[in-house]
Amino acid sequence: MKKLLVATALLSTTLLSGCIVAVSDGEMRHYNSWPAKHQENRDKISELALGTSYKEVTKEFGTPDFNEAISKDGHTYQVLYFATNRKHADGQITKDECTPLVFKNNQLVGFGQSAVDTYL
Protein backbone atom coordinates (compact mmCIF):
# COMPACT_ATOMS: atom_id res chain seq x y z
CA MET A 1 0.00 0.00 0.00
CA LYS A 2 2.85 2.34 0.88
CA LYS A 3 4.45 1.73 -2.53
CA LEU A 4 1.15 2.52 -4.24
CA LEU A 5 0.87 5.83 -2.36
CA VAL A 6 4.45 6.81 -3.25
CA ALA A 7 3.90 5.88 -6.90
CA THR A 8 0.65 7.87 -6.99
CA ALA A 9 2.32 10.89 -5.38
CA LEU A 10 5.20 10.80 -7.87
CA LEU A 11 2.84 10.39 -10.82
CA SER A 12 0.60 13.20 -9.57
CA THR A 13 3.58 15.53 -9.14
CA THR A 14 4.70 14.84 -12.70
CA LEU A 15 1.25 15.33 -14.14
CA LEU A 16 0.53 18.48 -12.14
CA SER A 17 3.85 20.19 -12.93
CA GLY A 18 2.56 20.89 -16.42
CA CYS A 19 4.12 22.83 -19.20
CA ILE A 20 3.67 26.42 -20.32
CA VAL A 21 3.52 27.22 -24.00
CA ALA A 22 3.63 30.87 -25.04
CA VAL A 23 1.97 31.80 -28.29
CA SER A 24 2.33 35.30 -29.72
CA ASP A 25 1.47 37.13 -32.89
CA GLY A 26 4.62 39.24 -32.48
CA GLU A 27 2.81 42.18 -30.89
CA MET A 28 4.63 41.86 -27.58
CA ARG A 29 7.97 41.62 -29.37
CA HIS A 30 7.13 44.86 -31.18
CA TYR A 31 6.24 46.57 -27.90
CA ASN A 32 9.49 45.45 -26.27
CA SER A 33 11.59 46.57 -29.21
CA TRP A 34 10.62 50.24 -29.36
CA PRO A 35 14.24 51.38 -29.24
CA ALA A 36 15.01 49.08 -32.17
CA LYS A 37 11.99 50.35 -34.14
CA HIS A 38 12.95 53.98 -33.45
CA GLN A 39 16.51 53.28 -34.64
CA GLU A 40 15.14 51.54 -37.74
CA ASN A 41 12.98 54.60 -38.53
CA ARG A 42 15.96 56.95 -38.03
CA ASP A 43 18.06 54.81 -40.36
CA LYS A 44 15.35 54.77 -43.03
CA ILE A 45 14.80 58.53 -42.77
CA SER A 46 18.52 59.20 -43.14
CA GLU A 47 18.46 57.34 -46.47
CA LEU A 48 15.40 59.11 -47.92
CA ALA A 49 15.85 61.18 -51.04
CA LEU A 50 13.80 64.29 -51.68
CA GLY A 51 11.27 63.59 -54.41
CA THR A 52 10.49 60.10 -53.15
CA SER A 53 6.81 59.38 -53.65
CA TYR A 54 4.32 59.13 -50.81
CA LYS A 55 3.49 55.60 -51.93
CA GLU A 56 7.14 54.46 -51.81
CA VAL A 57 7.61 55.89 -48.33
CA THR A 58 4.48 54.30 -46.88
CA LYS A 59 5.44 50.99 -48.47
CA GLU A 60 8.87 51.16 -46.80
CA PHE A 61 7.76 52.55 -43.41
CA GLY A 62 4.26 51.17 -43.01
CA THR A 63 1.54 53.02 -41.14
CA PRO A 64 2.68 56.32 -39.60
CA ASP A 65 2.17 57.10 -35.94
CA PHE A 66 0.40 60.34 -36.96
CA ASN A 67 -0.84 61.63 -40.29
CA GLU A 68 -1.96 65.15 -41.22
CA ALA A 69 -3.00 66.73 -44.51
CA ILE A 70 -3.80 70.23 -45.69
CA SER A 71 -4.52 71.99 -48.96
CA LYS A 72 -2.69 75.31 -49.30
CA ASP A 73 -2.15 77.60 -52.28
CA GLY A 74 -3.41 74.96 -54.69
CA HIS A 75 -1.10 72.24 -53.37
CA THR A 76 -1.81 69.25 -51.17
CA TYR A 77 0.54 68.80 -48.23
CA GLN A 78 0.69 65.66 -46.16
CA VAL A 79 2.80 65.14 -43.05
CA LEU A 80 3.59 61.65 -41.81
CA TYR A 81 5.06 61.28 -38.33
CA PHE A 82 7.21 58.26 -37.46
CA ALA A 83 8.49 57.52 -33.96
CA THR A 84 12.25 58.08 -33.74
CA ASN A 85 13.04 59.12 -30.17
CA ARG A 86 11.25 58.02 -27.02
CA LYS A 87 11.05 60.85 -24.50
CA HIS A 88 8.23 59.77 -22.20
CA ALA A 89 8.11 56.41 -20.42
CA ASP A 90 4.32 56.31 -20.53
CA GLY A 91 3.91 53.72 -23.29
CA GLN A 92 2.31 56.26 -25.64
CA ILE A 93 3.82 57.81 -28.76
CA THR A 94 3.50 61.59 -29.02
CA LYS A 95 4.42 63.89 -31.90
CA ASP A 96 7.45 65.23 -30.04
CA GLU A 97 8.83 61.68 -30.18
CA CYS A 98 8.43 61.54 -33.95
CA THR A 99 10.15 62.88 -37.06
CA PRO A 100 7.74 64.47 -39.55
CA LEU A 101 8.02 63.75 -43.29
CA VAL A 102 6.49 66.48 -45.46
CA PHE A 103 4.99 65.69 -48.87
CA LYS A 104 3.85 68.25 -51.42
CA ASN A 105 1.56 66.79 -54.08
CA ASN A 106 2.66 63.25 -53.08
CA GLN A 107 6.41 63.97 -53.34
CA LEU A 108 8.74 64.19 -50.34
CA VAL A 109 9.93 67.80 -50.00
CA GLY A 110 11.54 67.59 -46.55
CA PHE A 111 11.61 66.03 -43.12
CA GLY A 112 12.05 67.30 -39.60
CA GLN A 113 10.44 70.26 -37.86
CA SER A 114 12.17 72.76 -40.17
CA ALA A 115 10.37 71.21 -43.16
CA VAL A 116 7.02 71.55 -41.37
CA ASP A 117 7.82 75.18 -40.50
CA THR A 118 8.85 75.95 -44.10
CA TYR A 119 5.87 74.42 -45.89
CA LEU A 120 3.06 74.74 -43.39
C-alpha atoms as a PDB file:
ATOM      1  CA  MET A   1       0.000   0.000   0.000  1.00  0.00           C
ATOM      2  CA  LYS A   2       2.851   2.338   0.880  1.00  0.00           C
ATOM      3  CA  LYS A   3       4.452   1.728  -2.529  1.00  0.00           C
ATOM      4  CA  LEU A   4       1.153   2.519  -4.243  1.00  0.00           C
ATOM      5  CA  LEU A   5       0.868   5.834  -2.362  1.00  0.00           C
ATOM      6  CA  VAL A   6       4.448   6.806  -3.249  1.00  0.00           C
ATOM      7  CA  ALA A   7       3.901   5.884  -6.904  1.00  0.00           C
ATOM      8  CA  THR A   8       0.649   7.869  -6.988  1.00  0.00           C
ATOM      9  CA  ALA A   9       2.322  10.887  -5.385  1.00  0.00           C
ATOM     10  CA  LEU A  10       5.204  10.797  -7.871  1.00  0.00           C
ATOM     11  CA  LEU A  11       2.839  10.394 -10.819  1.00  0.00           C
ATOM     12  CA  SER A  12       0.603  13.205  -9.573  1.00  0.00           C
ATOM     13  CA  THR A  13       3.578  15.527  -9.142  1.00  0.00           C
ATOM     14  CA  THR A  14       4.704  14.837 -12.696  1.00  0.00           C
ATOM     15  CA  LEU A  15       1.254  15.335 -14.137  1.00  0.00           C
ATOM     16  CA  LEU A  16       0.533  18.480 -12.141  1.00  0.00           C
ATOM     17  CA  SER A  17       3.846  20.188 -12.934  1.00  0.00           C
ATOM     18  CA  GLY A  18       2.557  20.888 -16.419  1.00  0.00           C
ATOM     19  CA  CYS A  19       4.116  22.827 -19.196  1.00  0.00           C
ATOM     20  CA  ILE A  20       3.668  26.415 -20.324  1.00  0.00           C
ATOM     21  CA  VAL A  21       3.518  27.218 -24.000  1.00  0.00           C
ATOM     22  CA  ALA A  22       3.634  30.869 -25.043  1.00  0.00           C
ATOM     23  CA  VAL A  23       1.973  31.804 -28.293  1.00  0.00           C
ATOM     24  CA  SER A  24       2.332  35.300 -29.718  1.00  0.00           C
ATOM     25  CA  ASP A  25       1.468  37.130 -32.895  1.00  0.00           C
ATOM     26  CA  GLY A  26       4.618  39.238 -32.483  1.00  0.00           C
ATOM     27  CA  GLU A  27       2.810  42.184 -30.887  1.00  0.00           C
ATOM     28  CA  MET A  28       4.634  41.865 -27.578  1.00  0.00           C
ATOM     29  CA  ARG A  29       7.968  41.621 -29.374  1.00  0.00           C
ATOM     30  CA  HIS A  30       7.134  44.860 -31.179  1.00  0.00           C
ATOM     31  CA  TYR A  31       6.241  46.567 -27.902  1.00  0.00           C
ATOM     32  CA  ASN A  32       9.489  45.452 -26.271  1.00  0.00           C
ATOM     33  CA  SER A  33      11.592  46.566 -29.212  1.00  0.00           C
ATOM     34  CA  TRP A  34      10.617  50.244 -29.360  1.00  0.00           C
ATOM     35  CA  PRO A  35      14.240  51.381 -29.240  1.00  0.00           C
ATOM     36  CA  ALA A  36      15.013  49.080 -32.174  1.00  0.00           C
ATOM     37  CA  LYS A  37      11.986  50.352 -34.136  1.00  0.00           C
ATOM     38  CA  HIS A  38      12.955  53.975 -33.455  1.00  0.00           C
ATOM     39  CA  GLN A  39      16.507  53.276 -34.640  1.00  0.00           C
ATOM     40  CA  GLU A  40      15.143  51.544 -37.738  1.00  0.00           C
ATOM     41  CA  ASN A  41      12.981  54.601 -38.526  1.00  0.00           C
ATOM     42  CA  ARG A  42      15.956  56.950 -38.032  1.00  0.00           C
ATOM     43  CA  ASP A  43      18.059  54.806 -40.360  1.00  0.00           C
ATOM     44  CA  LYS A  44      15.346  54.766 -43.032  1.00  0.00           C
ATOM     45  CA  ILE A  45      14.796  58.527 -42.768  1.00  0.00           C
ATOM     46  CA  SER A  46      18.522  59.202 -43.144  1.00  0.00           C
ATOM     47  CA  GLU A  47      18.455  57.337 -46.468  1.00  0.00           C
ATOM     48  CA  LEU A  48      15.403  59.108 -47.919  1.00  0.00           C
ATOM     49  CA  ALA A  49      15.849  61.181 -51.038  1.00  0.00           C
ATOM     50  CA  LEU A  50      13.799  64.289 -51.684  1.00  0.00           C
ATOM     51  CA  GLY A  51      11.270  63.594 -54.413  1.00  0.00           C
ATOM     52  CA  THR A  52      10.492  60.097 -53.145  1.00  0.00           C
ATOM     53  CA  SER A  53       6.808  59.375 -53.646  1.00  0.00           C
ATOM     54  CA  TYR A  54       4.317  59.126 -50.810  1.00  0.00           C
ATOM     55  CA  LYS A  55       3.494  55.595 -51.928  1.00  0.00           C
ATOM     56  CA  GLU A  56       7.145  54.462 -51.808  1.00  0.00           C
ATOM     57  CA  VAL A  57       7.613  55.891 -48.328  1.00  0.00           C
ATOM     58  CA  THR A  58       4.477  54.301 -46.885  1.00  0.00           C
ATOM     59  CA  LYS A  59       5.435  50.987 -48.472  1.00  0.00           C
ATOM     60  CA  GLU A  60       8.865  51.161 -46.802  1.00  0.00           C
ATOM     61  CA  PHE A  61       7.756  52.549 -43.410  1.00  0.00           C
ATOM     62  CA  GLY A  62       4.259  51.166 -43.014  1.00  0.00           C
ATOM     63  CA  THR A  63       1.543  53.025 -41.140  1.00  0.00           C
ATOM     64  CA  PRO A  64       2.685  56.321 -39.602  1.00  0.00           C
ATOM     65  CA  ASP A  65       2.167  57.102 -35.943  1.00  0.00           C
ATOM     66  CA  PHE A  66       0.398  60.336 -36.958  1.00  0.00           C
ATOM     67  CA  ASN A  67      -0.843  61.631 -40.285  1.00  0.00           C
ATOM     68  CA  GLU A  68      -1.956  65.146 -41.222  1.00  0.00           C
ATOM     69  CA  ALA A  69      -3.003  66.725 -44.510  1.00  0.00           C
ATOM     70  CA  ILE A  70      -3.804  70.226 -45.690  1.00  0.00           C
ATOM     71  CA  SER A  71      -4.517  71.991 -48.962  1.00  0.00           C
ATOM     72  CA  LYS A  72      -2.686  75.310 -49.297  1.00  0.00           C
ATOM     73  CA  ASP A  73      -2.148  77.603 -52.285  1.00  0.00           C
ATOM     74  CA  GLY A  74      -3.411  74.957 -54.694  1.00  0.00           C
ATOM     75  CA  HIS A  75      -1.096  72.240 -53.371  1.00  0.00           C
ATOM     76  CA  THR A  76      -1.811  69.246 -51.170  1.00  0.00           C
ATOM     77  CA  TYR A  77       0.541  68.795 -48.235  1.00  0.00           C
ATOM     78  CA  GLN A  78       0.692  65.663 -46.156  1.00  0.00           C
ATOM     79  CA  VAL A  79       2.797  65.137 -43.051  1.00  0.00           C
ATOM     80  CA  LEU A  80       3.595  61.655 -41.807  1.00  0.00           C
ATOM     81  CA  TYR A  81       5.059  61.275 -38.333  1.00  0.00           C
ATOM     82  CA  PHE A  82       7.213  58.265 -37.460  1.00  0.00           C
ATOM     83  CA  ALA A  83       8.492  57.524 -33.958  1.00  0.00           C
ATOM     84  CA  THR A  84      12.250  58.082 -33.740  1.00  0.00           C
ATOM     85  CA  ASN A  85      13.043  59.124 -30.174  1.00  0.00           C
ATOM     86  CA  ARG A  86      11.250  58.016 -27.016  1.00  0.00           C
ATOM     87  CA  LYS A  87      11.049  60.851 -24.505  1.00  0.00           C
ATOM     88  CA  HIS A  88       8.231  59.768 -22.201  1.00  0.00           C
ATOM     89  CA  ALA A  89       8.109  56.414 -20.420  1.00  0.00           C
ATOM     90  CA  ASP A  90       4.317  56.314 -20.532  1.00  0.00           C
ATOM     91  CA  GLY A  91       3.914  53.720 -23.295  1.00  0.00           C
ATOM     92  CA  GLN A  92       2.308  56.256 -25.642  1.00  0.00           C
ATOM     93  CA  ILE A  93       3.816  57.806 -28.761  1.00  0.00           C
ATOM     94  CA  THR A  94       3.500  61.592 -29.023  1.00  0.00           C
ATOM     95  CA  LYS A  95       4.418  63.892 -31.903  1.00  0.00           C
ATOM     96  CA  ASP A  96       7.448  65.235 -30.043  1.00  0.00           C
ATOM     97  CA  GLU A  97       8.828  61.682 -30.177  1.00  0.00           C
ATOM     98  CA  CYS A  98       8.430  61.540 -33.955  1.00  0.00           C
ATOM     99  CA  THR A  99      10.147  62.882 -37.058  1.00  0.00           C
ATOM    100  CA  PRO A 100       7.744  64.474 -39.546  1.00  0.00           C
ATOM    101  CA  LEU A 101       8.023  63.748 -43.285  1.00  0.00           C
ATOM    102  CA  VAL A 102       6.486  66.476 -45.458  1.00  0.00           C
ATOM    103  CA  PHE A 103       4.987  65.690 -48.872  1.00  0.00           C
ATOM    104  CA  LYS A 104       3.846  68.247 -51.419  1.00  0.00           C
ATOM    105  CA  ASN A 105       1.564  66.789 -54.083  1.00  0.00           C
ATOM    106  CA  ASN A 106       2.661  63.254 -53.082  1.00  0.00           C
ATOM    107  CA  GLN A 107       6.408  63.969 -53.337  1.00  0.00           C
ATOM    108  CA  LEU A 108       8.736  64.190 -50.339  1.00  0.00           C
ATOM    109  CA  VAL A 109       9.928  67.800 -49.995  1.00  0.00           C
ATOM    110  CA  GLY A 110      11.539  67.587 -46.555  1.00  0.00           C
ATOM    111  CA  PHE A 111      11.615  66.034 -43.117  1.00  0.00           C
ATOM    112  CA  GLY A 112      12.054  67.298 -39.597  1.00  0.00           C
ATOM    113  CA  GLN A 113      10.438  70.259 -37.863  1.00  0.00           C
ATOM    114  CA  SER A 114      12.169  72.758 -40.168  1.00  0.00           C
ATOM    115  CA  ALA A 115      10.369  71.209 -43.159  1.00  0.00           C
ATOM    116  CA  VAL A 116       7.018  71.552 -41.368  1.00  0.00           C
ATOM    117  CA  ASP A 117       7.821  75.177 -40.502  1.00  0.00           C
ATOM    118  CA  THR A 118       8.850  75.950 -44.095  1.00  0.00           C
ATOM    119  CA  TYR A 119       5.868  74.425 -45.887  1.00  0.00           C
ATOM    120  CA  LEU A 120       3.065  74.740 -43.386  1.00  0.00           C
END
